Protein backbone atom coordinates (compact mmCIF):
# COMPACT_ATOMS: atom_id res chain seq x y z
CA MET A 1 106.49 243.38 -131.31
CA ILE A 2 105.10 239.81 -130.56
CA LEU A 3 107.37 238.64 -127.06
CA VAL A 4 106.63 234.67 -127.16
CA THR A 5 108.24 231.63 -125.04
CA THR A 6 107.80 229.28 -127.36
CA ASP A 7 109.60 228.99 -130.66
CA PHE A 8 107.01 229.25 -132.84
CA VAL A 9 104.52 232.49 -133.01
CA PRO A 10 100.56 230.51 -133.00
CA GLY A 11 98.71 231.18 -135.80
CA LYS A 12 101.68 233.04 -137.85
CA GLU A 13 104.17 231.62 -140.16
CA ILE A 14 108.11 232.22 -139.65
CA LYS A 15 109.80 234.07 -142.80
CA LYS A 16 112.80 235.41 -141.46
CA ASN A 17 115.26 233.90 -138.59
CA LEU A 18 117.42 237.03 -137.78
CA GLY A 19 119.31 235.62 -134.63
CA LEU A 20 119.89 235.78 -131.33
CA VAL A 21 118.77 239.41 -129.47
CA ARG A 22 119.26 240.33 -126.28
CA GLY A 23 118.76 243.03 -123.72
CA ASN A 24 120.54 243.60 -119.91
CA THR A 25 120.91 245.80 -117.29
CA ILE A 26 122.91 244.97 -113.87
CA ARG A 27 121.03 246.89 -110.81
CA ALA A 28 122.66 247.27 -107.46
CA ARG A 29 121.36 247.43 -103.90
CA HIS A 30 120.91 250.16 -101.94
CA ILE A 31 121.90 250.47 -98.26
CA GLY A 32 117.97 251.88 -97.67
CA ARG A 33 116.46 249.10 -98.87
CA ASP A 34 118.80 246.90 -97.31
CA ILE A 35 118.25 248.29 -94.22
CA SER A 36 114.67 247.58 -94.64
CA ALA A 37 114.91 243.43 -96.37
CA LEU A 38 117.46 243.28 -92.75
CA LEU A 39 113.84 243.91 -90.45
CA ARG A 40 111.88 242.31 -93.11
CA ASN A 41 114.13 238.89 -92.87
CA ILE A 42 113.71 239.11 -89.33
CA VAL A 43 109.43 239.57 -88.79
CA GLY A 44 109.53 237.83 -92.36
CA GLY A 45 107.41 238.73 -95.59
CA GLU A 46 107.62 240.05 -99.07
CA ILE A 47 111.02 242.93 -99.24
CA THR A 48 108.50 244.89 -101.57
CA ASP A 49 111.11 247.59 -102.77
CA TYR A 50 113.01 244.61 -104.25
CA THR A 51 110.48 243.32 -105.99
CA LYS A 52 110.02 246.32 -107.59
CA MET A 53 113.76 246.78 -108.41
CA MET A 54 113.95 243.46 -109.90
CA ALA A 55 110.24 244.19 -111.93
CA GLU A 56 111.99 247.29 -113.21
CA SER A 57 114.99 245.45 -113.80
CA ARG A 58 113.15 243.11 -115.91
CA GLU A 59 111.18 245.33 -118.08
CA GLN A 60 114.37 247.15 -118.95
CA ALA A 61 115.70 244.34 -120.00
CA LEU A 62 112.92 243.31 -122.51
CA ASP A 63 113.07 246.61 -123.52
CA ARG A 64 116.50 246.49 -124.66
CA MET A 65 116.07 243.56 -126.21
CA VAL A 66 113.25 244.81 -127.99
CA GLU A 67 114.82 247.37 -129.43
CA GLU A 68 117.67 245.27 -131.09
CA ALA A 69 115.27 243.19 -132.56
CA GLU A 70 113.94 245.75 -133.98
CA SER A 71 117.17 247.69 -135.45
CA LEU A 72 117.47 244.29 -137.37
CA GLY A 73 113.52 244.55 -139.16
CA ALA A 74 111.27 241.99 -136.12
CA ASN A 75 108.33 241.39 -135.74
CA ALA A 76 108.67 239.24 -133.06
CA ILE A 77 110.80 237.56 -130.65
CA ILE A 78 110.90 233.64 -129.97
CA ASN A 79 111.70 231.76 -127.12
CA VAL A 80 111.93 234.36 -124.50
CA ARG A 81 114.14 233.83 -121.61
CA PHE A 82 115.18 235.35 -118.76
CA THR A 83 118.10 234.90 -116.79
CA THR A 84 119.94 236.69 -113.82
CA SER A 85 123.19 236.69 -112.04
CA MET A 86 125.27 238.06 -109.43
CA ILE A 87 127.89 240.28 -110.47
CA MET A 88 129.40 241.40 -107.14
CA GLN A 89 128.08 240.84 -103.76
CA SER A 90 125.41 244.05 -104.00
CA ALA A 91 124.81 243.50 -107.48
CA SER A 92 123.30 241.18 -110.24
CA GLU A 93 122.62 240.85 -113.43
CA ILE A 94 119.51 240.39 -115.33
CA LEU A 95 119.37 239.06 -119.73
CA ALA A 96 116.55 238.74 -121.26
CA TYR A 97 117.59 236.97 -124.31
CA GLY A 98 115.07 235.70 -127.39
CA THR A 99 115.63 234.66 -131.28
CA ALA A 100 114.20 237.51 -133.76
CA VAL A 101 112.35 236.84 -136.11
CA ILE A 102 110.40 238.03 -138.72
CA VAL A 103 106.00 236.54 -139.05
CA ASP A 104 103.67 237.13 -141.33
């Protein structure tokens, strides 16, 4: 599967537009991570537990978007974007979305 953030795939011709595809995940924070984050907030620096959690969340959202595109028969997704939102105080959603297409 080809994923691009542009509205075209370099060197390829879009034969068919299959529409919007998306994948999302919602993750909640963990009390142990919150304690670690609180300490890191005092001394400064990267909160690696949260960095890892968000990276895993992005990959899961991408995987779900690709699954949806494949179910439509797509071989590429153009205009890939991410968005995130807070669902509640300790949970966030990551959404990956784009346009499923068939390219030559």
